[in-house]
Amino acid sequence: DIPYTLAVRFAMQEVPLQSAESQSIYPPQPSDPVFIIRDKVVEGKGIWEGLQGFGIKKLEVFKGKVAIDRFGEHGQNGVILITPNTRN
């Protein structure tokens, strides 16, 4: 095996929250991981509202025993911990 780097370019269009929410084809399921922003469990449009004006500095994924040990019952199905950028 030879390791290599592959550059991938992509662009994302900004979609208004109402449109994005109404077009969702994947409603949250009980087995979905929990999203945590600023030490608060968020779901649905709360994820985007929690990042509005900040962007994402770091995104961490926790699963299994590590998620349960760190986040208790919230970690049952995994946790996606989002650290937003800070405003200057």
Protein backbone atom coordinates (compact mmCIF):
# COMPACT_ATOMS: atom_id res chain seq x y z
CA ASP A 1 0.00 0.00 0.00
CA ILE A 2 1.27 3.43 -0.94
CA PRO A 3 -0.22 6.37 1.00
CA TYR A 4 -1.16 9.42 -1.04
CA THR A 5 -3.05 12.66 -0.67
CA LEU A 6 -6.02 13.43 -2.86
CA ALA A 7 -7.25 17.02 -3.15
CA VAL A 8 -11.03 17.27 -3.19
CA ARG A 9 -12.77 20.51 -4.13
CA PHE A 10 -16.40 21.14 -3.37
CA ALA A 11 -18.81 24.01 -2.90
CA MET A 12 -21.86 24.23 -0.69
CA GLN A 13 -24.87 26.38 -1.30
CA GLU A 14 -26.41 28.24 1.61
CA VAL A 15 -29.96 27.03 2.17
CA PRO A 16 -32.38 29.01 4.36
CA LEU A 17 -33.25 27.14 7.58
CA GLN A 18 -36.93 26.86 6.74
CA SER A 19 -36.18 25.27 3.37
CA ALA A 20 -33.55 22.93 4.78
CA GLU A 21 -35.84 21.85 7.62
CA SER A 22 -38.86 21.25 5.39
CA GLN A 23 -36.78 19.31 2.85
CA SER A 24 -35.23 16.98 5.40
CA ILE A 25 -35.61 13.39 4.28
CA TYR A 26 -33.85 12.00 7.34
CA PRO A 27 -35.84 12.81 10.47
CA PRO A 28 -33.91 12.22 13.73
CA GLN A 29 -34.11 8.67 15.02
CA PRO A 30 -33.83 7.47 18.65
CA SER A 31 -30.60 5.67 17.68
CA ASP A 32 -28.93 8.83 16.30
CA PRO A 33 -25.95 10.33 18.10
CA VAL A 34 -26.43 13.42 20.27
CA PHE A 35 -25.05 16.80 19.19
CA ILE A 36 -23.51 18.96 21.92
CA ILE A 37 -22.61 22.63 21.39
CA ARG A 38 -21.37 24.83 24.24
CA ASP A 39 -22.18 22.11 26.81
CA LYS A 40 -25.83 21.88 25.67
CA VAL A 41 -27.54 19.00 23.91
CA VAL A 42 -29.03 20.36 20.68
CA GLU A 43 -31.11 18.84 17.91
CA GLY A 44 -32.85 19.88 14.73
CA LYS A 45 -32.40 23.52 13.81
CA GLY A 46 -30.83 24.14 17.23
CA ILE A 47 -27.60 22.78 15.76
CA TRP A 48 -27.45 25.54 13.15
CA GLU A 49 -28.68 28.22 15.55
CA GLY A 50 -25.90 27.28 17.97
CA LEU A 51 -23.31 27.91 15.26
CA GLN A 52 -24.86 30.96 13.63
CA GLY A 53 -22.22 33.62 13.17
CA PHE A 54 -19.42 31.41 14.51
CA GLY A 55 -18.62 28.45 12.27
CA ILE A 56 -16.98 25.23 13.44
CA LYS A 57 -13.54 25.24 15.07
CA LYS A 58 -13.46 21.56 16.00
CA LEU A 59 -15.73 18.54 15.61
CA GLU A 60 -15.18 15.42 17.75
CA VAL A 61 -16.98 12.09 17.58
CA PHE A 62 -17.27 9.83 20.63
CA LYS A 63 -18.66 6.28 20.55
CA GLY A 64 -19.19 3.34 22.86
CA LYS A 65 -17.76 3.27 26.37
CA VAL A 66 -15.82 6.51 25.86
CA ALA A 67 -19.03 8.38 24.98
CA ILE A 68 -20.93 6.90 27.93
CA ASP A 69 -18.07 7.54 30.40
CA ARG A 70 -17.75 11.17 29.30
CA PHE A 71 -21.39 12.12 28.62
CA GLY A 72 -23.43 9.67 30.68
CA GLU A 73 -26.84 8.73 29.32
CA HIS A 74 -26.41 11.20 26.44
CA GLY A 75 -23.58 9.03 25.14
CA GLN A 76 -25.67 5.87 24.65
CA ASN A 77 -25.73 6.24 20.84
CA GLY A 78 -22.61 8.32 20.47
CA VAL A 79 -21.92 12.05 20.69
CA ILE A 80 -20.86 14.62 18.13
CA LEU A 81 -19.21 17.42 20.10
CA ILE A 82 -19.02 20.69 18.15
CA THR A 83 -16.69 23.46 19.30
CA PRO A 84 -17.60 26.71 17.55
CA ASN A 85 -15.08 29.40 16.60
CA THR A 86 -14.97 32.29 19.01
CA ARG A 87 -15.70 35.81 17.91
CA ASN A 88 -12.88 38.30 18.15
